[in-house]
Amino acid sequence: MMLRYAALVLALATVLGVAAACGDGGPGGTQPATATAPGETATPSPGTTVPAANESGREPIFWRTEDGFASLQAGLAYKVLFRITNGYAEPSLAVTATCQSCASPSERQPIEFEGQRTDPVGNEAPGSYYPMNIELPYAGQWEIVGGDTARIPVNAEPGQSSG
């Protein structure tokens, strides 16, 4: 009887250990954070939790942010990590952002951002990784396009230097 109890405790401890190690199923490694002003650190508001980094989209392009673009503000840099899984392994990746709700034609002109390829950290999922800071100059609804299929709708809240 004591042997069965010990085996049950060992099995339960193993299952809990594996569950804790796996976390939310997301990849491990360094997580990009939202940009902050020099000398500041990104801290959540009291009583809130910052979700683990997430990946969204459809293959072959995934993107990861700390908060799913929730804190994106016009005029402030926002860090995004793109992961490409279709064999694309060029030294750089370009994405384009276009304001969908801006009234002025000059504000609707596409803006190109480019990230340099970096090596994955730790147990990251396979693919080519391209971190970049995206800074949208105007508040409004934007669409970020990468490649032929990745379309990411985002909302830039009013922030510094927004028009």
N, C-alpha and C. Protein backbone atom coordinates (compact mmCIF):
# COMPACT_ATOMS: atom_id res chain seq x y z
N MET A 1 0.82 -1.20 0.00
CA MET A 1 0.00 0.00 0.00
C MET A 1 0.87 1.26 0.00
N MET A 2 1.93 1.25 0.81
CA MET A 2 2.82 2.40 0.89
C MET A 2 3.53 2.61 -0.44
N LEU A 3 3.87 1.54 -1.14
CA LEU A 3 4.53 1.63 -2.44
C LEU A 3 3.61 2.27 -3.47
N ARG A 4 2.31 1.92 -3.45
CA ARG A 4 1.36 2.52 -4.38
C ARG A 4 1.22 4.03 -4.11
N TYR A 5 1.17 4.40 -2.83
CA TYR A 5 1.05 5.81 -2.46
C TYR A 5 2.28 6.59 -2.94
N ALA A 6 3.45 6.04 -2.75
CA ALA A 6 4.69 6.69 -3.18
C ALA A 6 4.71 6.85 -4.70
N ALA A 7 4.26 5.80 -5.41
CA ALA A 7 4.21 5.87 -6.88
C ALA A 7 3.23 6.94 -7.34
N LEU A 8 2.09 7.06 -6.67
CA LEU A 8 1.09 8.07 -7.02
C LEU A 8 1.66 9.48 -6.78
N VAL A 9 2.33 9.69 -5.65
CA VAL A 9 2.92 10.99 -5.35
C VAL A 9 3.99 11.33 -6.38
N LEU A 10 4.83 10.37 -6.75
CA LEU A 10 5.86 10.59 -7.75
C LEU A 10 5.25 10.95 -9.11
N ALA A 11 4.20 10.24 -9.52
CA ALA A 11 3.55 10.52 -10.79
C ALA A 11 2.92 11.92 -10.79
N LEU A 12 2.27 12.29 -9.68
CA LEU A 12 1.65 13.60 -9.58
C LEU A 12 2.71 14.70 -9.62
N ALA A 13 3.82 14.50 -8.91
CA ALA A 13 4.90 15.49 -8.93
C ALA A 13 5.48 15.64 -10.32
N THR A 14 5.61 14.55 -11.06
CA THR A 14 6.12 14.60 -12.43
C THR A 14 5.20 15.40 -13.33
N VAL A 15 3.90 15.13 -13.24
CA VAL A 15 2.91 15.83 -14.07
C VAL A 15 2.94 17.33 -13.74
N LEU A 16 2.97 17.68 -12.46
CA LEU A 16 3.01 19.09 -12.08
C LEU A 16 4.30 19.76 -12.54
N GLY A 17 5.41 19.04 -12.45
CA GLY A 17 6.69 19.59 -12.91
C GLY A 17 6.70 19.86 -14.40
N VAL A 18 6.16 18.92 -15.17
CA VAL A 18 6.09 19.11 -16.62
C VAL A 18 5.16 20.28 -16.96
N ALA A 19 4.02 20.37 -16.28
CA ALA A 19 3.08 21.46 -16.55
C ALA A 19 3.72 22.81 -16.22
N ALA A 20 4.45 22.89 -15.11
CA ALA A 20 5.10 24.15 -14.75
C ALA A 20 6.19 24.51 -15.74
N ALA A 21 6.93 23.52 -16.22
CA ALA A 21 8.00 23.79 -17.19
C ALA A 21 7.45 24.23 -18.52
N CYS A 22 6.31 23.72 -18.92
CA CYS A 22 5.72 24.06 -20.22
C CYS A 22 5.06 25.43 -20.19
N GLY A 23 4.59 25.88 -19.06
CA GLY A 23 3.94 27.18 -18.98
C GLY A 23 2.70 27.21 -19.83
N ASP A 24 2.57 28.24 -20.66
CA ASP A 24 1.38 28.41 -21.50
C ASP A 24 1.55 27.80 -22.87
N GLY A 25 2.59 27.05 -23.08
CA GLY A 25 2.81 26.43 -24.38
C GLY A 25 3.58 27.32 -25.33
N GLY A 26 3.88 28.56 -24.92
CA GLY A 26 4.62 29.47 -25.78
C GLY A 26 6.09 29.16 -25.75
N PRO A 27 6.84 29.70 -26.68
CA PRO A 27 8.26 29.44 -26.72
C PRO A 27 8.97 30.11 -25.56
N GLY A 28 10.10 29.59 -25.19
CA GLY A 28 10.88 30.16 -24.09
C GLY A 28 11.81 31.23 -24.62
N GLY A 29 12.77 31.60 -23.82
CA GLY A 29 13.76 32.57 -24.26
C GLY A 29 13.39 33.98 -23.85
N THR A 30 14.15 34.91 -24.32
CA THR A 30 13.95 36.31 -23.98
C THR A 30 12.68 36.82 -24.64
N GLN A 31 11.88 37.53 -23.88
CA GLN A 31 10.63 38.07 -24.40
C GLN A 31 10.80 39.55 -24.69
N PRO A 32 10.42 40.02 -25.89
CA PRO A 32 10.52 41.43 -26.16
C PRO A 32 9.56 42.22 -25.29
N ALA A 33 9.92 43.42 -24.94
CA ALA A 33 9.07 44.27 -24.11
C ALA A 33 8.69 45.51 -24.89
N THR A 34 7.64 46.16 -24.43
CA THR A 34 7.26 47.40 -25.08
C THR A 34 8.32 48.45 -24.79
N ALA A 35 8.44 49.40 -25.66
CA ALA A 35 9.45 50.44 -25.50
C ALA A 35 9.05 51.37 -24.37
N THR A 36 10.04 51.88 -23.65
CA THR A 36 9.80 52.83 -22.59
C THR A 36 10.73 54.02 -22.80
N ALA A 37 10.42 55.09 -22.13
CA ALA A 37 11.27 56.27 -22.22
C ALA A 37 12.61 55.97 -21.55
N PRO A 38 13.68 56.64 -21.94
CA PRO A 38 14.98 56.39 -21.33
C PRO A 38 14.90 56.52 -19.81
N GLY A 39 15.47 55.54 -19.11
CA GLY A 39 15.48 55.56 -17.66
C GLY A 39 14.25 54.97 -17.02
N GLU A 40 13.23 54.64 -17.78
CA GLU A 40 12.01 54.05 -17.23
C GLU A 40 12.01 52.56 -17.47
N THR A 41 11.21 51.86 -16.69
CA THR A 41 11.02 50.43 -16.92
C THR A 41 9.55 50.17 -17.16
N ALA A 42 9.26 49.13 -17.91
CA ALA A 42 7.88 48.77 -18.20
C ALA A 42 7.33 47.98 -17.02
N THR A 43 6.34 48.54 -16.33
CA THR A 43 5.71 47.84 -15.22
C THR A 43 4.21 47.89 -15.40
N PRO A 44 3.54 46.77 -15.09
CA PRO A 44 2.09 46.76 -15.24
C PRO A 44 1.43 47.61 -14.16
N SER A 45 0.21 48.05 -14.40
CA SER A 45 -0.55 48.79 -13.41
C SER A 45 -0.87 47.87 -12.25
N PRO A 46 -1.03 48.41 -11.03
CA PRO A 46 -1.36 47.55 -9.90
C PRO A 46 -2.65 46.77 -10.16
N GLY A 47 -2.66 45.52 -9.80
CA GLY A 47 -3.84 44.68 -9.97
C GLY A 47 -3.97 44.07 -11.34
N THR A 48 -3.04 44.35 -12.27
CA THR A 48 -3.11 43.76 -13.60
C THR A 48 -1.95 42.80 -13.79
N THR A 49 -2.12 41.89 -14.69
CA THR A 49 -1.03 40.98 -15.01
C THR A 49 -0.68 41.16 -16.48
N VAL A 50 0.59 41.07 -16.76
CA VAL A 50 1.05 41.15 -18.14
C VAL A 50 1.09 39.74 -18.68
N PRO A 51 0.34 39.43 -19.74
CA PRO A 51 0.37 38.07 -20.26
C PRO A 51 1.73 37.73 -20.85
N ALA A 52 2.01 36.45 -20.89
CA ALA A 52 3.26 36.02 -21.52
C ALA A 52 3.23 36.44 -22.98
N ALA A 53 4.39 36.54 -23.57
CA ALA A 53 4.46 36.90 -24.99
C ALA A 53 3.61 35.92 -25.79
N ASN A 54 3.02 36.41 -26.83
CA ASN A 54 2.17 35.54 -27.63
C ASN A 54 2.57 35.60 -29.08
N GLU A 55 2.17 34.61 -29.79
CA GLU A 55 2.37 34.61 -31.23
C GLU A 55 1.01 34.46 -31.87
N SER A 56 0.81 35.24 -32.90
CA SER A 56 -0.47 35.25 -33.58
C SER A 56 -0.23 35.09 -35.07
N GLY A 57 -1.27 35.16 -35.81
CA GLY A 57 -1.12 35.14 -37.26
C GLY A 57 -1.18 33.75 -37.84
N ARG A 58 -0.96 33.68 -39.09
CA ARG A 58 -0.98 32.41 -39.82
C ARG A 58 0.41 32.17 -40.35
N GLU A 59 0.76 30.89 -40.41
CA GLU A 59 2.07 30.58 -40.99
C GLU A 59 2.11 31.13 -42.40
N PRO A 60 3.21 31.52 -42.91
CA PRO A 60 4.55 31.33 -42.37
C PRO A 60 5.07 32.50 -41.55
N ILE A 61 4.24 33.54 -41.27
CA ILE A 61 4.73 34.69 -40.51
C ILE A 61 3.98 34.77 -39.19
N PHE A 62 4.74 34.81 -38.10
CA PHE A 62 4.18 34.99 -36.77
C PHE A 62 4.75 36.29 -36.21
N TRP A 63 4.07 36.88 -35.26
CA TRP A 63 4.60 38.05 -34.60
C TRP A 63 4.36 37.90 -33.11
N ARG A 64 5.24 38.53 -32.36
CA ARG A 64 5.15 38.44 -30.91
C ARG A 64 5.35 39.83 -30.32
N THR A 65 4.49 40.18 -29.40
CA THR A 65 4.62 41.41 -28.64
C THR A 65 4.37 41.06 -27.19
N GLU A 66 4.67 41.95 -26.30
CA GLU A 66 4.43 41.67 -24.89
C GLU A 66 2.94 41.69 -24.57
N ASP A 67 2.18 42.54 -25.23
CA ASP A 67 0.78 42.70 -24.83
C ASP A 67 -0.20 42.71 -26.01
N GLY A 68 0.17 42.09 -27.10
CA GLY A 68 -0.76 42.02 -28.23
C GLY A 68 -1.12 43.38 -28.81
N PHE A 69 -0.19 44.31 -28.84
CA PHE A 69 -0.34 45.66 -29.38
C PHE A 69 -1.25 46.55 -28.53
N ALA A 70 -1.63 46.13 -27.32
CA ALA A 70 -2.54 46.91 -26.49
C ALA A 70 -1.96 48.24 -26.05
N SER A 71 -0.64 48.33 -25.85
CA SER A 71 -0.05 49.59 -25.38
C SER A 71 0.60 50.40 -26.50
N LEU A 72 0.33 50.04 -27.75
CA LEU A 72 0.90 50.78 -28.89
C LEU A 72 0.35 52.20 -28.89
N GLN A 73 1.27 53.17 -28.90
CA GLN A 73 0.88 54.58 -28.92
C GLN A 73 1.58 55.27 -30.08
N ALA A 74 0.86 56.20 -30.70
CA ALA A 74 1.44 56.99 -31.78
C ALA A 74 2.63 57.77 -31.26
N GLY A 75 3.71 57.78 -32.05
CA GLY A 75 4.89 58.54 -31.71
C GLY A 75 5.85 57.84 -30.77
N LEU A 76 5.54 56.64 -30.32
CA LEU A 76 6.41 55.89 -29.42
C LEU A 76 6.82 54.58 -30.07
N ALA A 77 8.08 54.21 -29.89
CA ALA A 77 8.57 52.95 -30.45
C ALA A 77 7.90 51.77 -29.73
N TYR A 78 7.59 50.74 -30.49
CA TYR A 78 6.93 49.53 -29.96
C TYR A 78 7.67 48.34 -30.54
N LYS A 79 8.14 47.43 -29.69
CA LYS A 79 8.97 46.31 -30.14
C LYS A 79 8.11 45.12 -30.57
N VAL A 80 8.42 44.61 -31.77
CA VAL A 80 7.74 43.44 -32.33
C VAL A 80 8.82 42.46 -32.79
N LEU A 81 8.58 41.19 -32.56
CA LEU A 81 9.49 40.15 -33.04
C LEU A 81 8.73 39.31 -34.06
N PHE A 82 9.21 39.33 -35.30
CA PHE A 82 8.61 38.53 -36.36
C PHE A 82 9.37 37.21 -36.47
N ARG A 83 8.62 36.11 -36.65
CA ARG A 83 9.22 34.79 -36.86
C ARG A 83 8.68 34.26 -38.18
N ILE A 84 9.59 33.93 -39.11
CA ILE A 84 9.23 33.46 -40.43
C ILE A 84 9.57 31.97 -40.50
N THR A 85 8.60 31.15 -40.95
CA THR A 85 8.80 29.70 -40.94
C THR A 85 8.75 29.06 -42.32
N ASN A 86 8.79 29.85 -43.37
CA ASN A 86 8.69 29.26 -44.71
C ASN A 86 10.04 29.12 -45.39
N GLY A 87 11.13 29.19 -44.62
CA GLY A 87 12.45 29.06 -45.20
C GLY A 87 13.10 30.39 -45.52
N TYR A 88 12.38 31.50 -45.38
CA TYR A 88 12.95 32.82 -45.60
C TYR A 88 14.01 33.05 -44.53
N ALA A 89 15.24 33.33 -44.96
CA ALA A 89 16.34 33.52 -44.01
C ALA A 89 17.27 34.64 -44.49
N GLU A 90 16.69 35.66 -45.08
CA GLU A 90 17.48 36.79 -45.58
C GLU A 90 18.05 37.59 -44.41
N PRO A 91 19.04 38.42 -44.65
CA PRO A 91 19.63 39.21 -43.57
C PRO A 91 18.66 40.23 -42.95
N SER A 92 17.61 40.62 -43.70
CA SER A 92 16.66 41.59 -43.16
C SER A 92 15.25 41.27 -43.64
N LEU A 93 14.28 41.84 -42.94
CA LEU A 93 12.87 41.69 -43.28
C LEU A 93 12.23 43.07 -43.25
N ALA A 94 11.46 43.40 -44.28
CA ALA A 94 10.75 44.68 -44.32
C ALA A 94 9.25 44.43 -44.16
N VAL A 95 8.60 45.27 -43.35
CA VAL A 95 7.15 45.27 -43.23
C VAL A 95 6.69 46.70 -43.48
N THR A 96 5.43 46.83 -43.89
CA THR A 96 4.87 48.14 -44.21
C THR A 96 3.65 48.40 -43.34
N ALA A 97 3.54 49.61 -42.81
CA ALA A 97 2.38 50.02 -42.02
C ALA A 97 1.66 51.14 -42.76
N THR A 98 0.34 51.02 -42.84
CA THR A 98 -0.48 52.03 -43.50
C THR A 98 -1.64 52.40 -42.59
N CYS A 99 -1.85 53.69 -42.38
CA CYS A 99 -2.96 54.15 -41.55
C CYS A 99 -4.25 54.01 -42.34
N GLN A 100 -5.18 53.24 -41.81
CA GLN A 100 -6.45 52.99 -42.49
C GLN A 100 -7.51 54.05 -42.15
N SER A 101 -7.35 54.75 -41.01
CA SER A 101 -8.38 55.70 -40.58
C SER A 101 -7.94 57.16 -40.65
N CYS A 102 -6.73 57.42 -41.08
CA CYS A 102 -6.25 58.80 -41.16
C CYS A 102 -6.96 59.55 -42.28
N ALA A 103 -7.30 60.81 -42.03
CA ALA A 103 -8.05 61.60 -43.00
C ALA A 103 -7.18 62.15 -44.12
N SER A 104 -5.98 62.59 -43.78
CA SER A 104 -5.11 63.24 -44.75
C SER A 104 -4.41 62.19 -45.63
N PRO A 105 -4.37 62.42 -46.96
CA PRO A 105 -3.64 61.50 -47.83
C PRO A 105 -2.17 61.34 -47.44
N SER A 106 -1.55 62.41 -46.95
CA SER A 106 -0.15 62.30 -46.56
C SER A 106 0.02 61.38 -45.34
N GLU A 107 -0.99 61.32 -44.47
CA GLU A 107 -0.93 60.45 -43.30
C GLU A 107 -1.20 58.98 -43.67
N ARG A 108 -1.78 58.76 -44.84
CA ARG A 108 -2.07 57.38 -45.28
C ARG A 108 -0.95 56.78 -46.11
N GLN A 109 0.15 57.50 -46.28
CA GLN A 109 1.28 56.96 -47.04
C GLN A 109 1.92 55.82 -46.26
N PRO A 110 2.21 54.70 -46.93
CA PRO A 110 2.83 53.56 -46.23
C PRO A 110 4.19 53.93 -45.65
N ILE A 111 4.47 53.34 -44.48
CA ILE A 111 5.75 53.52 -43.81
C ILE A 111 6.41 52.15 -43.74
N GLU A 112 7.67 52.07 -44.15
CA GLU A 112 8.37 50.78 -44.14
C GLU A 112 9.29 50.69 -42.93
N PHE A 113 9.28 49.51 -42.30
CA PHE A 113 10.16 49.21 -41.18
C PHE A 113 10.99 47.99 -41.55
N GLU A 114 12.23 47.98 -41.12
CA GLU A 114 13.10 46.86 -41.45
C GLU A 114 13.77 46.33 -40.19
N GLY A 115 13.79 45.01 -40.07
CA GLY A 115 14.47 44.36 -38.96
C GLY A 115 15.59 43.48 -39.47
N GLN A 116 16.66 43.38 -38.69
CA GLN A 116 17.80 42.54 -39.05
C GLN A 116 17.63 41.17 -38.41
N ARG A 117 17.98 40.14 -39.13
CA ARG A 117 17.83 38.76 -38.65
C ARG A 117 18.71 38.53 -37.42
N THR A 118 18.15 37.85 -36.44
CA THR A 118 18.89 37.47 -35.24
C THR A 118 18.72 35.98 -35.00
N ASP A 119 19.62 35.43 -34.22
CA ASP A 119 19.54 34.02 -33.88
C ASP A 119 18.53 33.82 -32.77
N PRO A 120 17.80 32.70 -32.81
CA PRO A 120 16.84 32.43 -31.73
C PRO A 120 17.57 32.20 -30.40
N VAL A 121 16.86 32.45 -29.31
CA VAL A 121 17.42 32.30 -27.98
C VAL A 121 16.79 31.09 -27.30
N GLY A 122 17.61 30.28 -26.66
CA GLY A 122 17.08 29.16 -25.88
C GLY A 122 16.33 28.16 -26.74
N ASN A 123 15.14 27.81 -26.29
CA ASN A 123 14.31 26.80 -26.95
C ASN A 123 13.26 27.42 -27.86
N GLU A 124 13.61 28.48 -28.55
CA GLU A 124 12.65 29.13 -29.45
C GLU A 124 12.21 28.16 -30.54
N ALA A 125 11.03 28.39 -31.06
CA ALA A 125 10.51 27.59 -32.16
C ALA A 125 11.36 27.85 -33.40
N PRO A 126 11.38 26.90 -34.33
CA PRO A 126 12.20 27.09 -35.52
C PRO A 126 11.71 28.24 -36.39
N GLY A 127 12.64 28.81 -37.13
CA GLY A 127 12.31 29.90 -38.03
C GLY A 127 13.38 30.96 -38.01
N SER A 128 13.17 32.01 -38.79
CA SER A 128 14.07 33.15 -38.84
C SER A 128 13.43 34.27 -38.03
N TYR A 129 14.22 34.91 -37.17
CA TYR A 129 13.71 35.91 -36.25
C TYR A 129 14.18 37.30 -36.64
N TYR A 130 13.24 38.26 -36.63
CA TYR A 130 13.52 39.64 -37.01
C TYR A 130 12.88 40.59 -36.00
N PRO A 131 13.64 41.06 -35.01
CA PRO A 131 13.08 42.06 -34.10
C PRO A 131 13.12 43.44 -34.75
N MET A 132 12.13 44.25 -34.45
CA MET A 132 12.14 45.63 -34.94
C MET A 132 11.27 46.50 -34.06
N ASN A 133 11.62 47.77 -34.03
CA ASN A 133 10.81 48.77 -33.36
C ASN A 133 9.92 49.41 -34.41
N ILE A 134 8.64 49.41 -34.13
CA ILE A 134 7.68 50.04 -35.03
C ILE A 134 7.17 51.29 -34.34
N GLU A 135 7.30 52.42 -35.03
CA GLU A 135 6.82 53.68 -34.49
C GLU A 135 5.84 54.30 -35.47
N LEU A 136 4.57 54.31 -35.10
CA LEU A 136 3.53 54.85 -35.96
C LEU A 136 3.31 56.32 -35.59
N PRO A 137 3.40 57.23 -36.55
CA PRO A 137 3.39 58.66 -36.22
C PRO A 137 2.01 59.23 -35.88
N TYR A 138 0.93 58.56 -36.26
CA TYR A 138 -0.40 59.11 -36.06
C TYR A 138 -1.29 58.12 -35.32
N ALA A 139 -2.18 58.64 -34.48
CA ALA A 139 -3.16 57.80 -33.81
C ALA A 139 -4.17 57.31 -34.85
N GLY A 140 -4.67 56.11 -34.66
CA GLY A 140 -5.69 55.58 -35.57
C GLY A 140 -5.54 54.10 -35.79
N GLN A 141 -6.33 53.60 -36.73
CA GLN A 141 -6.30 52.19 -37.09
C GLN A 141 -5.28 51.98 -38.21
N TRP A 142 -4.35 51.05 -37.99
CA TRP A 142 -3.28 50.78 -38.92
C TRP A 142 -3.33 49.33 -39.35
N GLU A 143 -2.71 49.06 -40.49
CA GLU A 143 -2.52 47.69 -40.94
C GLU A 143 -1.03 47.52 -41.23
N ILE A 144 -0.44 46.51 -40.57
CA ILE A 144 0.96 46.18 -40.80
C ILE A 144 0.97 44.96 -41.71
N VAL A 145 1.72 45.07 -42.81
CA VAL A 145 1.75 44.00 -43.82
C VAL A 145 3.17 43.48 -43.93
N GLY A 146 3.30 42.16 -43.86
CA GLY A 146 4.58 41.50 -44.04
C GLY A 146 4.43 40.39 -45.05
N GLY A 147 5.25 40.39 -46.06
CA GLY A 147 5.12 39.38 -47.10
C GLY A 147 3.82 39.56 -47.86
N ASP A 148 3.32 38.46 -48.42
CA ASP A 148 2.09 38.54 -49.21
C ASP A 148 0.85 38.24 -48.39
N THR A 149 1.01 37.57 -47.23
CA THR A 149 -0.17 37.09 -46.53
C THR A 149 -0.37 37.65 -45.14
N ALA A 150 0.66 38.14 -44.48
CA ALA A 150 0.52 38.60 -43.10
C ALA A 150 -0.05 40.01 -43.06
N ARG A 151 -1.22 40.14 -42.51
CA ARG A 151 -1.87 41.44 -42.33
C ARG A 151 -2.26 41.55 -40.87
N ILE A 152 -1.70 42.56 -40.19
CA ILE A 152 -1.91 42.71 -38.76
C ILE A 152 -2.63 44.03 -38.52
N PRO A 153 -3.92 43.99 -38.14
CA PRO A 153 -4.62 45.23 -37.82
C PRO A 153 -4.24 45.66 -36.39
N VAL A 154 -3.86 46.92 -36.23
CA VAL A 154 -3.51 47.44 -34.91
C VAL A 154 -4.13 48.82 -34.72
N ASN A 155 -4.30 49.20 -33.47
CA ASN A 155 -4.83 50.51 -33.16
C ASN A 155 -3.76 51.27 -32.38
N ALA A 156 -3.35 52.41 -32.90
CA ALA A 156 -2.37 53.27 -32.22
C ALA A 156 -3.13 54.34 -31.45
N GLU A 157 -3.01 54.28 -30.13
CA GLU A 157 -3.65 55.28 -29.29
C GLU A 157 -2.86 56.59 -29.38
N PRO A 158 -3.49 57.73 -29.05
CA PRO A 158 -2.74 58.98 -29.05
C PRO A 158 -1.58 58.90 -28.07
N GLY A 159 -0.46 59.45 -28.45
CA GLY A 159 0.74 59.43 -27.62
C GLY A 159 1.59 60.63 -27.94
N GLN A 160 2.85 60.55 -27.62
CA GLN A 160 3.78 61.64 -27.92
C GLN A 160 3.85 61.89 -29.41
N SER A 161 3.93 63.12 -29.77
CA SER A 161 4.15 63.53 -31.17
C SER A 161 3.09 63.03 -32.12
N SER A 162 1.92 62.60 -31.63
CA SER A 162 0.90 62.13 -32.57
C SER A 162 0.18 63.33 -33.15
N GLY A 163 -0.20 63.17 -34.42
CA GLY A 163 -0.79 64.29 -35.14
C GLY A 163 -2.21 64.37 -35.10
